[in-house]
């Protein structure tokens, strides 16, 4: 018996396109006893409120009928939304649809979210002489007491299956690949059953899916694996289930390699899936913009990325030269657009109101907003999509100007702490200098006033990020963080800044999620005390 893993990259809402992708993969897998696709692969994941439109579900149903007709002799297991006809509960199930020779069998997900009705039935798929347990997403996880794990669907089956199949749409974070593999391995070992895991790949707005589909044998060894961050359709022989040999290529990449590849995929799919071609960004000569232009050039091609240098009277010569070097090292086009004339015009316009009030953060923000107006104008005029360059440390404490340096349609590194941004730059430079080393090594500065450095307003990033990690990723209280040895005043100031700036984070562009606790999934009330 041969089973095919179809690790595909669906587009949310593109039911016709996804249908054709499914059919193409199925045709490629002719002769397989089963072809397995990811969770909700027909409609794309996550579909959110599209599920509330009747025509959306009708189009899914028509697509299933067409797939069944065109792939009649190929056994398929496809993720799709299915109507709940019981008249009770939510109107839809998150389901796996089995299609073969006119037969259609539905397997429903047990653990669901606000859009789907949970299912209690535990049907076995009879595949020839093989009993298959069909599970979807986190139905499978039950090892230990980790919040990542749910009730294991396999415990519910009255008769023991001989294979477990899991259709997944498991989002990427840099810890998840290793964690996922261990959970699946322990599940296979616990039940002494081979396990087939098929995950989707691709970026859908802020969410990134890394693929990494796997097959586990009886002994919990990975006997077949698919790559991270790439589509692939691969067939394996079920005789491998008894193999005790691990796959040689089952090494999970390093944290920085995973993050780099995830961000490149996230940028590429954000553009490709919406029909965008070209990007623009403000290029300051600082670390963050140098990192973003390097990632964008990798994702889109350097010829499709435009850097805009916008020096002010406070910009240093090395900032301009570093920004030029960033663009030229990559082969990206750039323009130099000084902001002094625009800034002076704003000051003159506001002088009757501000009178002789002293220079303060208002004038600093006017510079940032002057830059925002310029890059947005270029975006509008030429159709380049503006990339935001703010990092997670800045987003956490509100170190950014709304309608200024927080402008953008996509926040590329908004889930990457500043210390991680430094680390990622060094990873990119591992073979040769792409990001100027001077940019990496110089003290960070917004350059909005004479001799300004980030440490004038913030703790050193190594301290700030350690506190933020404990507070955000580990959900520790200020008291618990202080007990770890951090300075009490710095901790309390940092926590206050995080609380006070939810209103800014609510307004910024979608952030490519690469951490276990991205802000986009940290739902907090904006007004609170």
Protein backbone atom coordinates (compact mmCIF):
# COMPACT_ATOMS: atom_id res chain seq x y z
CA UNK A 1 0.00 0.00 0.00
CA UNK A 2 1.24 3.48 -0.93
CA UNK A 3 0.08 6.76 0.60
CA UNK A 4 0.77 10.24 -0.77
CA UNK A 5 1.30 13.39 1.31
CA UNK A 6 0.15 16.49 -0.58
CA UNK A 7 1.80 19.42 1.20
CA UNK A 8 0.21 22.27 -0.75
CA UNK A 9 0.00 26.07 -0.44
CA UNK A 10 -3.69 27.04 -0.76
CA UNK A 11 -4.99 30.60 -0.99
CA UNK A 12 -7.82 31.57 1.34
CA UNK A 13 -11.02 32.00 -0.66
CA UNK A 14 -9.53 30.86 -3.97
CA UNK A 15 -11.72 27.78 -4.13
CA UNK A 16 -11.30 27.28 -7.89
CA UNK A 17 -7.54 27.71 -7.68
CA UNK A 18 -7.25 25.40 -4.69
CA UNK A 19 -9.48 22.85 -6.46
CA UNK A 20 -7.13 22.79 -9.45
CA UNK A 21 -4.11 22.50 -7.15
CA UNK A 22 -5.75 19.51 -5.42
CA UNK A 23 -6.61 17.84 -8.73
CA UNK A 24 -3.06 18.37 -10.06
CA UNK A 25 -1.57 16.80 -6.91
CA UNK A 26 -4.02 13.90 -7.14
CA UNK A 27 -3.10 13.24 -10.77
CA UNK A 28 0.54 13.27 -9.78
CA UNK A 29 -0.23 10.58 -7.17
CA UNK A 30 -2.04 8.10 -9.43
CA UNK A 31 -1.58 4.57 -8.12
CA UNK A 32 -1.60 5.61 -4.45
CA UNK A 33 -4.01 3.94 -2.05
CA UNK A 34 -4.70 7.37 -0.48
CA UNK A 35 -3.74 11.00 -1.11
CA UNK A 36 -3.92 13.19 2.02
CA UNK A 37 -4.30 16.98 1.89
CA UNK A 38 -4.06 19.57 4.73
CA UNK A 39 -6.87 20.89 6.94
CA UNK A 40 -9.41 23.09 5.08
CA UNK A 41 -7.18 22.88 2.02
CA UNK A 42 -10.12 23.39 -0.34
CA UNK A 43 -11.09 26.82 0.99
CA UNK A 44 -7.74 27.84 2.46
CA UNK A 45 -6.89 28.30 6.13
CA UNK A 46 -7.96 30.29 8.06
CA UNK A 47 -11.16 31.38 6.26
CA UNK A 48 -12.56 33.32 9.25
CA UNK A 49 -15.89 35.07 8.47
CA UNK A 50 -15.93 33.93 4.85
CA UNK A 51 -17.53 30.83 6.34
CA UNK A 52 -20.65 32.88 7.06
CA UNK A 53 -21.42 33.45 3.36
CA UNK A 54 -23.76 30.90 1.79
CA UNK A 55 -22.20 31.19 -1.66
CA UNK A 56 -18.77 30.44 -0.18
CA UNK A 57 -19.99 27.09 1.15
CA UNK A 58 -21.91 26.37 -2.06
CA UNK A 59 -18.74 26.91 -4.09
CA UNK A 60 -16.89 24.48 -1.81
CA UNK A 61 -19.60 21.88 -2.36
CA UNK A 62 -19.47 22.30 -6.14
CA UNK A 63 -15.67 22.02 -6.05
CA UNK A 64 -15.89 18.76 -4.09
CA UNK A 65 -18.27 17.36 -6.70
CA UNK A 66 -15.90 18.33 -9.51
CA UNK A 67 -12.86 16.86 -7.74
CA UNK A 68 -14.77 13.61 -7.19
CA UNK A 69 -15.71 13.46 -10.88
CA UNK A 70 -12.26 14.28 -12.27
CA UNK A 71 -10.33 12.09 -9.79
CA UNK A 72 -12.81 9.24 -9.55
CA UNK A 73 -10.20 6.46 -9.40
CA UNK A 74 -7.86 8.20 -6.93
CA UNK A 75 -8.73 7.91 -3.21
CA UNK A 76 -8.54 11.43 -1.73
CA UNK A 77 -8.80 12.86 1.77
CA UNK A 78 -9.44 16.63 1.52
CA UNK A 79 -9.93 19.26 4.23
CA UNK A 80 -13.12 21.28 3.68
CA UNK A 81 -16.02 22.97 5.51
CA UNK A 82 -19.16 20.81 5.55
CA UNK A 83 -22.71 21.82 6.47
CA UNK A 84 -24.22 20.74 9.78
CA UNK A 85 -27.69 19.52 8.73
CA UNK A 86 -28.80 18.48 12.22
CA UNK A 87 -30.43 21.85 12.92
CA UNK A 88 -28.51 22.08 16.20
CA UNK A 89 -25.36 24.01 16.98
CA UNK A 90 -23.17 25.95 14.57
CA UNK A 91 -23.95 25.59 10.85
CA UNK A 92 -20.63 24.03 9.79
CA UNK A 93 -18.19 21.25 10.60
CA UNK A 94 -14.44 21.37 10.01
CA UNK A 95 -14.16 18.11 8.08
CA UNK A 96 -12.03 15.69 6.12
CA UNK A 97 -13.87 14.51 3.00
CA UNK A 98 -12.96 11.07 1.61
CA UNK A 99 -13.68 10.71 -2.12
CA UNK A 100 -13.30 7.53 -4.19
CA UNK A 101 -15.32 5.89 -7.00
CA UNK A 102 -18.50 7.79 -6.26
CA UNK A 103 -18.16 7.34 -2.51
CA UNK A 104 -18.11 10.38 -0.22
CA UNK A 105 -17.44 9.91 3.49
CA UNK A 106 -17.21 12.76 6.02
CA UNK A 107 -14.91 12.82 9.06
CA UNK A 108 -15.46 15.76 11.41
CA UNK A 109 -13.09 17.57 13.72
CA UNK A 110 -13.68 17.30 17.46
CA UNK A 111 -11.75 20.30 18.76
CA UNK A 112 -13.00 23.43 17.03
CA UNK A 113 -13.14 27.21 17.27
CA UNK A 114 -15.96 29.74 17.13
CA UNK A 115 -16.80 28.95 13.49
CA UNK A 116 -17.42 25.19 13.68
CA UNK A 117 -19.59 22.73 15.59
CA UNK A 118 -17.62 20.09 17.53
CA UNK A 119 -18.20 16.48 16.48
CA UNK A 120 -18.47 13.46 18.79
CA UNK A 121 -18.65 10.68 16.21
CA UNK A 122 -15.59 8.44 15.78
CA UNK A 123 -15.86 6.74 12.41
CA UNK A 124 -13.04 4.63 11.03
CA UNK A 125 -12.05 4.92 7.37
CA UNK A 126 -11.82 1.43 5.90
CA UNK A 127 -9.04 1.67 3.32
CA UNK A 128 -8.86 -1.76 1.73
CA UNK A 129 -8.01 -4.05 4.61
CA UNK A 130 -6.56 -1.16 6.65
CA UNK A 131 -8.47 0.69 9.40
CA UNK A 132 -7.56 4.41 9.34
CA UNK A 133 -8.26 6.93 12.11
CA UNK A 134 -8.84 10.31 10.45
CA UNK A 135 -8.00 13.28 12.69
CA UNK A 136 -7.85 17.01 12.00
CA UNK A 137 -5.48 19.56 13.51
CA UNK A 138 -5.18 19.51 17.30
CA UNK A 139 -7.57 16.56 17.69
CA UNK A 140 -4.39 14.54 17.92
CA UNK A 141 -2.50 16.13 20.80
CA UNK A 142 -2.71 14.82 24.34
CA UNK A 143 0.77 14.18 25.69
CA UNK A 144 1.63 15.87 28.99
CA UNK A 145 -0.14 18.91 30.43
CA UNK A 146 1.06 21.55 27.97
CA UNK A 147 -1.49 24.15 26.80
CA UNK A 148 -0.54 23.25 23.23
CA UNK A 149 -2.17 19.84 23.69
CA UNK A 150 -5.83 18.86 23.58
CA UNK A 151 -7.84 15.67 24.13
CA UNK A 152 -6.53 12.95 21.83
CA UNK A 153 -9.13 11.74 19.34
CA UNK A 154 -7.52 8.28 19.17
CA UNK A 155 -8.68 7.58 22.74
CA UNK A 156 -12.29 7.87 21.54
CA UNK A 157 -12.25 5.11 18.91
CA UNK A 158 -14.01 1.92 19.97
CA UNK A 159 -11.93 -0.23 17.62
CA UNK A 160 -8.20 0.29 17.39
CA UNK A 161 -7.09 1.80 14.07
CA UNK A 162 -4.03 0.57 12.21
CA UNK A 163 -2.96 3.98 10.87
CA UNK A 164 -3.50 7.52 12.17
CA UNK A 165 -3.86 10.27 9.57
CA UNK A 166 -3.81 13.92 10.59
CA UNK A 167 -4.83 16.80 8.29
CA UNK A 168 -3.19 19.92 9.70
CA UNK A 169 -2.91 23.67 9.28
CA UNK A 170 -0.45 24.27 12.09
CA UNK A 171 1.01 27.78 12.02
CA UNK A 172 4.72 28.39 12.26
CA UNK A 173 6.63 29.66 15.23
CA UNK A 174 10.33 29.09 15.76
CA UNK A 175 9.74 26.63 18.62
CA UNK A 176 6.88 24.71 17.11
CA UNK A 177 8.60 22.38 14.63
CA UNK A 178 10.58 20.57 17.31
CA UNK A 179 7.66 20.59 19.73
CA UNK A 180 5.26 19.28 17.11
CA UNK A 181 7.56 16.44 16.08
CA UNK A 182 7.99 15.30 19.67
CA UNK A 183 4.24 15.37 20.34
CA UNK A 184 3.49 13.37 17.22
CA UNK A 185 6.28 10.91 17.99
CA UNK A 186 4.93 10.36 21.50
CA UNK A 187 1.41 9.92 20.13
CA UNK A 188 2.60 7.21 17.73
CA UNK A 189 4.50 5.50 20.52
CA UNK A 190 1.64 5.72 23.01
CA UNK A 191 -0.83 4.03 20.67
CA UNK A 192 1.76 1.87 18.88
CA UNK A 193 0.26 2.98 15.56
CA UNK A 194 1.98 4.56 12.51
CA UNK A 195 1.07 8.21 12.04
CA UNK A 196 0.81 10.33 8.90
CA UNK A 197 0.86 14.11 9.43
CA UNK A 198 0.17 16.48 6.50
CA UNK A 199 0.58 20.20 7.17
CA UNK A 200 -0.11 23.07 4.81
CA UNK A 201 2.63 25.45 3.71
CA UNK A 202 2.54 29.15 2.81
CA UNK A 203 1.77 32.60 4.14
CA UNK A 204 -1.76 33.92 4.60
CA UNK A 205 -1.51 37.59 5.70
CA UNK A 206 0.22 37.56 9.10
CA UNK A 207 0.12 33.76 9.51
CA UNK A 208 2.84 31.50 8.13
CA UNK A 209 2.58 27.73 7.72
CA UNK A 210 5.82 25.79 7.48
CA UNK A 211 4.81 22.40 6.08
CA UNK A 212 7.26 19.87 7.50
CA UNK A 213 4.83 16.97 6.96
CA UNK A 214 5.97 13.64 8.43
CA UNK A 215 5.31 9.91 8.58
CA UNK A 216 6.07 8.05 11.81
CA UNK A 217 6.58 4.31 12.01
CA UNK A 218 5.54 1.98 14.83
CA UNK A 219 8.70 2.78 16.81
CA UNK A 220 8.13 6.54 16.62
CA UNK A 221 10.85 7.09 14.06
CA UNK A 222 10.30 9.52 11.20
CA UNK A 223 10.36 7.31 8.10
CA UNK A 224 9.34 10.01 5.63
CA UNK A 225 9.49 13.79 5.80
CA UNK A 226 8.72 16.73 3.54
CA UNK A 227 10.62 20.02 3.48
CA UNK A 228 9.86 23.15 5.47
CA UNK A 229 8.45 26.19 3.62
CA UNK A 230 8.01 24.48 0.22
CA UNK A 231 5.19 22.66 -1.52
CA UNK A 232 5.77 18.99 -2.23
CA UNK A 233 3.75 15.93 -3.19
CA UNK A 234 5.50 12.76 -2.04
CA UNK A 235 4.50 9.09 -1.98
CA UNK A 236 5.81 6.46 0.42
CA UNK A 237 5.35 2.72 0.82
CA UNK A 238 3.58 1.59 3.99
CA UNK A 239 6.19 -1.13 4.39
CA UNK A 240 8.33 1.67 5.82
CA UNK A 241 6.10 1.65 8.91
CA UNK A 242 8.16 -1.19 10.34
CA UNK A 243 11.44 0.57 9.61
CA UNK A 244 13.69 1.46 12.54
CA UNK A 245 15.81 3.80 10.43
CA UNK A 246 15.39 7.53 10.85
CA UNK A 247 15.38 9.77 7.81
CA UNK A 248 18.73 11.47 7.32
CA UNK A 249 17.09 14.81 6.46
CA UNK A 250 14.98 15.09 9.59
CA UNK A 251 17.25 17.72 11.13
CA UNK A 252 15.19 20.75 12.16
CA UNK A 253 16.94 23.93 11.02
CA UNK A 254 18.34 26.44 13.50
CA UNK A 255 16.12 29.13 14.99
CA UNK A 256 17.51 31.85 12.73
CA UNK A 257 17.29 29.71 9.59
CA UNK A 258 13.65 28.93 10.40
CA UNK A 259 12.84 32.59 11.07
CA UNK A 260 14.63 33.76 7.94
CA UNK A 261 12.85 31.28 5.68
CA UNK A 262 9.48 31.96 7.34
CA UNK A 263 9.76 35.73 6.86
CA UNK A 264 10.85 35.35 3.24
CA UNK A 265 7.88 33.05 2.58
CA UNK A 266 5.54 35.41 4.45
CA UNK A 267 6.60 38.40 2.33
CA UNK A 268 6.50 36.45 -0.93
CA UNK A 269 3.01 35.03 -0.35
CA UNK A 270 1.63 38.36 0.94
CA UNK A 271 2.59 39.83 -2.44
CA UNK A 272 1.98 36.90 -4.78
CA UNK A 273 -1.41 35.90 -3.40
CA UNK A 274 -2.72 39.46 -3.78
CA UNK A 275 -1.15 40.17 -7.15
CA UNK A 276 1.37 42.71 -5.83
CA UNK A 277 4.78 42.92 -7.51
CA UNK A 278 6.89 45.68 -5.97
CA UNK A 279 7.76 46.92 -2.48
CA UNK A 280 8.99 50.21 -1.07
CA UNK A 281 10.40 51.00 2.37
CA UNK A 282 12.13 53.77 4.23
CA UNK A 283 15.86 53.03 4.38
CA UNK A 284 17.41 54.82 7.34
CA UNK A 285 20.86 53.31 7.57
CA UNK A 286 19.76 51.53 10.74
CA UNK A 287 19.61 47.83 11.47
CA UNK A 288 15.86 47.25 11.10
CA UNK A 289 15.42 48.75 7.63
CA UNK A 290 18.61 47.06 6.44
CA UNK A 291 17.21 43.73 7.62
CA UNK A 292 13.81 44.28 6.00
CA UNK A 293 15.24 45.28 2.62
CA UNK A 294 17.46 42.17 2.67
CA UNK A 295 14.47 39.92 3.40
CA UNK A 296 12.31 41.68 0.80
CA UNK A 297 15.01 41.39 -1.87
CA UNK A 298 15.27 37.67 -1.16
CA UNK A 299 11.49 37.24 -1.34
CA UNK A 300 10.65 39.46 -4.31
CA UNK A 301 13.92 39.95 -6.18
CA UNK A 302 16.09 43.05 -5.67
CA UNK A 303 14.73 44.67 -8.83
CA UNK A 304 11.29 44.79 -7.18
CA UNK A 305 12.35 46.53 -3.96
CA UNK A 306 12.84 50.30 -3.71
CA UNK A 307 14.58 51.97 -0.79
CA UNK A 308 13.84 55.60 0.10
CA UNK A 309 16.53 57.45 2.07
CA UNK A 310 15.04 60.44 3.91
CA UNK A 311 17.80 62.21 5.83
CA UNK A 312 17.05 65.12 8.12
CA UNK A 313 19.32 67.76 9.59
CA UNK A 314 20.01 65.29 12.43
CA UNK A 315 21.01 62.37 10.20
CA UNK A 316 24.67 61.41 10.30
CA UNK A 317 26.78 60.96 7.19
CA UNK A 318 27.34 57.30 8.04
CA UNK A 319 23.57 56.68 8.18
CA UNK A 320 23.26 57.79 4.55
CA UNK A 321 26.32 55.83 3.47
CA UNK A 322 25.16 52.72 5.35
CA UNK A 323 21.71 52.95 3.75
CA UNK A 324 23.26 53.28 0.28
CA UNK A 325 25.51 50.30 0.99
CA UNK A 326 22.49 48.23 2.09
CA UNK A 327 20.73 48.89 -1.21
CA UNK A 328 23.79 48.50 -3.41
CA UNK A 329 24.93 45.26 -1.75
CA UNK A 330 21.55 43.77 -2.70
CA UNK A 331 21.18 45.39 -6.12
CA UNK A 332 18.07 47.35 -5.07
CA UNK A 333 17.16 50.76 -6.47
CA UNK A 334 17.06 53.73 -4.08
CA UNK A 335 16.26 57.45 -3.98
CA UNK A 336 17.47 60.13 -1.58
CA UNK A 337 14.66 62.48 -0.51
CA UNK A 338 15.73 64.92 2.24
CA UNK A 339 12.88 65.87 4.59
CA UNK A 340 14.14 69.26 5.82
CA UNK A 341 11.93 71.26 3.41
CA UNK A 342 8.81 69.30 4.39
CA UNK A 343 9.66 69.49 8.10
CA UNK A 344 10.31 73.24 7.92
CA UNK A 345 6.96 73.71 6.16
CA UNK A 346 5.16 71.84 8.94
CA UNK A 347 6.94 73.95 11.58
CA UNK A 348 6.02 77.15 9.78
CA UNK A 349 2.40 76.03 9.40
CA UNK A 350 2.13 75.21 13.12
CA UNK A 351 4.05 78.29 14.37
CA UNK A 352 0.92 80.42 14.98
CA UNK A 353 -0.34 77.69 17.33
CA UNK A 354 2.93 76.46 18.87
CA UNK A 355 4.43 79.99 19.10
CA UNK A 356 7.73 79.78 21.02
CA UNK A 357 7.16 76.43 22.74
CA UNK A 358 10.42 74.43 23.01
CA UNK A 359 11.46 71.53 20.76
CA UNK A 360 10.19 68.22 22.13
CA UNK A 361 8.78 64.86 21.01
CA UNK A 362 6.26 66.75 18.86
CA UNK A 363 8.98 67.88 16.48
CA UNK A 364 10.55 64.41 16.56
CA UNK A 365 7.23 62.91 15.51
CA UNK A 366 6.81 65.56 12.79
CA UNK A 367 10.00 64.25 11.21
CA UNK A 368 8.75 60.67 11.35
CA UNK A 369 5.39 61.72 9.89
CA UNK A 370 7.10 63.71 7.13
CA UNK A 371 8.83 60.49 6.15
CA UNK A 372 5.54 58.61 6.37
CA UNK A 373 3.89 61.05 3.96
CA UNK A 374 6.76 60.68 1.47
CA UNK A 375 6.88 56.86 1.38
CA UNK A 376 3.07 56.64 1.23
CA UNK A 377 3.06 59.10 -1.69
CA UNK A 378 5.59 56.95 -3.54
CA UNK A 379 3.52 53.86 -2.73
CA UNK A 380 0.39 55.50 -4.16
CA UNK A 381 2.06 56.93 -7.25
CA UNK A 382 3.92 53.81 -8.36
CA UNK A 383 1.91 51.01 -6.76
CA UNK A 384 4.74 49.77 -4.55
CA UNK A 385 3.47 48.20 -1.33
CA UNK A 386 4.98 49.84 1.75
CA UNK A 387 6.82 47.53 4.15
CA UNK A 388 6.99 48.53 7.80
CA UNK A 389 10.36 48.09 9.52
CA UNK A 390 9.48 48.31 13.25
CA UNK A 391 10.59 45.46 15.52
CA UNK A 392 8.78 43.75 18.40
CA UNK A 393 10.76 45.55 21.11
CA UNK A 394 9.65 48.92 19.73
CA UNK A 395 6.07 47.73 19.22
CA UNK A 396 5.94 46.43 22.79
CA UNK A 397 6.90 49.71 24.45
CA UNK A 398 5.37 52.09 21.89
CA UNK A 399 8.72 53.34 20.57
CA UNK A 400 7.28 54.38 17.22
CA UNK A 401 5.17 57.14 15.69
CA UNK A 402 1.65 56.46 14.47
CA UNK A 403 1.25 57.63 10.86
CA UNK A 404 5.02 58.00 10.72
CA UNK A 405 7.48 55.13 11.02
CA UNK A 406 4.56 52.82 11.89
CA UNK A 407 3.09 53.25 8.38
CA UNK A 408 2.96 50.22 6.12
CA UNK A 409 0.82 47.47 4.64
CA UNK A 410 2.90 44.64 6.15
CA UNK A 411 5.05 44.61 9.26
CA UNK A 412 7.91 42.29 8.39
CA UNK A 413 9.87 42.08 11.67
CA UNK A 414 7.21 43.24 14.13
CA UNK A 415 7.36 39.86 15.89
CA UNK A 416 11.16 39.90 16.15
CA UNK A 417 12.82 41.39 19.22
CA UNK A 418 15.68 43.81 18.57
CA UNK A 419 18.25 41.34 19.91
CA UNK A 420 16.81 38.72 17.53
CA UNK A 421 17.04 41.25 14.68
CA UNK A 422 20.77 41.59 15.39
CA UNK A 423 21.08 37.81 15.40
CA UNK A 424 19.18 37.46 12.11
CA UNK A 425 21.40 40.08 10.45
CA UNK A 426 24.47 38.09 11.46
CA UNK A 427 22.84 34.94 10.06
CA UNK A 428 22.23 36.70 6.72
CA UNK A 429 25.89 37.79 6.72
CA UNK A 430 27.13 34.26 7.52
CA UNK A 431 28.86 33.83 4.15
CA UNK A 432 29.49 37.41 3.03
CA UNK A 433 28.60 40.99 3.93
CA UNK A 434 25.08 41.70 2.71
CA UNK A 435 23.98 43.98 5.54
CA UNK A 436 26.81 46.45 6.25
CA UNK A 437 28.70 45.40 9.37
CA UNK A 438 28.84 49.03 10.43
CA UNK A 439 25.03 49.06 10.49
CA UNK A 440 25.01 45.99 12.73
CA UNK A 441 27.71 47.20 15.11
CA UNK A 442 26.77 50.86 15.65
CA UNK A 443 24.49 51.95 18.55
CA UNK A 444 20.81 52.10 17.49
CA UNK A 445 19.37 55.61 17.07
CA UNK A 446 16.20 57.17 15.64
CA UNK A 447 18.25 60.32 14.83
CA UNK A 448 15.38 62.71 15.53
CA UNK A 449 17.47 65.09 17.63
CA UNK A 450 21.20 65.77 18.04
CA UNK A 451 23.26 62.81 19.35
CA UNK A 452 20.14 60.74 20.07
CA UNK A 453 20.44 57.05 20.95
CA UNK A 454 17.71 54.51 21.71
CA UNK A 455 19.17 54.01 25.19
CA UNK A 456 18.19 57.62 26.00
CA UNK A 457 14.58 56.41 26.20
CA UNK A 458 14.90 52.65 26.68
CA UNK A 459 17.02 50.20 28.68
CA UNK A 460 19.74 48.40 26.80
CA UNK A 461 18.00 46.02 24.39
CA UNK A 462 19.57 42.95 25.99
CA UNK A 463 17.85 43.87 29.26
CA UNK A 464 14.64 45.18 27.69
CA UNK A 465 14.14 42.09 25.54
CA UNK A 466 14.79 39.72 28.42
CA UNK A 467 12.09 41.49 30.45
CA UNK A 468 9.68 41.59 27.51
CA UNK A 469 10.20 37.89 26.81
CA UNK A 470 9.33 37.00 30.40
CA UNK A 471 6.32 39.29 30.38
CA UNK A 472 4.90 38.45 26.93
CA UNK A 473 6.03 34.94 25.99
CA UNK A 474 6.14 33.55 29.54
CA UNK A 475 3.19 35.59 30.92
CA UNK A 476 5.12 36.44 34.08
CA UNK A 477 3.98 39.27 36.34
CA UNK A 478 6.19 42.24 37.16
CA UNK A 479 6.75 40.80 40.61
CA UNK A 480 7.87 37.46 39.21
CA UNK A 481 10.26 39.14 36.79
CA UNK A 482 11.75 41.30 39.54
CA UNK A 483 12.22 38.14 41.64
CA UNK A 484 14.45 36.80 38.84
CA UNK A 485 16.90 39.60 39.57
CA UNK A 486 15.85 42.35 37.16
CA UNK A 487 15.88 45.96 38.35
CA UNK A 488 12.51 46.84 39.89
CA UNK A 489 12.25 50.33 38.38
CA UNK A 490 13.13 49.09 34.88
CA UNK A 491 10.65 46.22 35.07
CA UNK A 492 7.79 48.42 36.27
CA UNK A 493 8.53 51.06 33.64
CA UNK A 494 8.65 48.41 30.89
CA UNK A 495 5.37 46.79 31.95
CA UNK A 496 3.67 50.21 32.09
CA UNK A 497 4.88 51.01 28.57
CA UNK A 498 3.53 47.70 27.24
CA UNK A 499 0.12 48.33 28.84
CA UNK A 500 -0.09 51.93 27.63
CA UNK A 501 0.62 51.16 23.98
CA UNK A 502 -1.99 48.57 23.02
CA UNK A 503 -3.78 51.37 21.15
CA UNK A 504 -0.78 51.73 18.84
CA UNK A 505 -0.46 48.00 18.21
CA UNK A 506 -4.16 47.88 17.38
CA UNK A 507 -3.56 50.25 14.46
CA UNK A 508 -0.38 48.94 12.87
CA UNK A 509 -0.09 46.74 9.78
CA UNK A 510 -0.44 42.92 9.91
CA UNK A 511 2.68 41.50 11.57
CA UNK A 512 4.28 38.33 10.23
CA UNK A 513 3.93 35.95 13.19
CA UNK A 514 7.06 33.92 13.95
CA UNK A 515 7.03 33.67 17.77
CA UNK A 516 4.94 31.60 20.20
CA UNK A 517 3.22 34.81 21.42
CA UNK A 518 2.80 37.36 18.61
CA UNK A 519 0.91 40.52 19.53
CA UNK A 520 -1.74 39.76 16.91
CA UNK A 521 -2.84 36.77 19.01
CA UNK A 522 -2.52 38.54 22.34
CA UNK A 523 -6.01 39.96 22.69
CA UNK A 524 -5.94 42.73 25.27
CA UNK A 525 -8.47 45.47 26.00
CA UNK A 526 -7.27 48.83 24.72
CA UNK A 527 -8.91 50.76 27.58
CA UNK A 528 -7.89 49.26 30.92
CA UNK A 529 -6.29 50.07 34.24
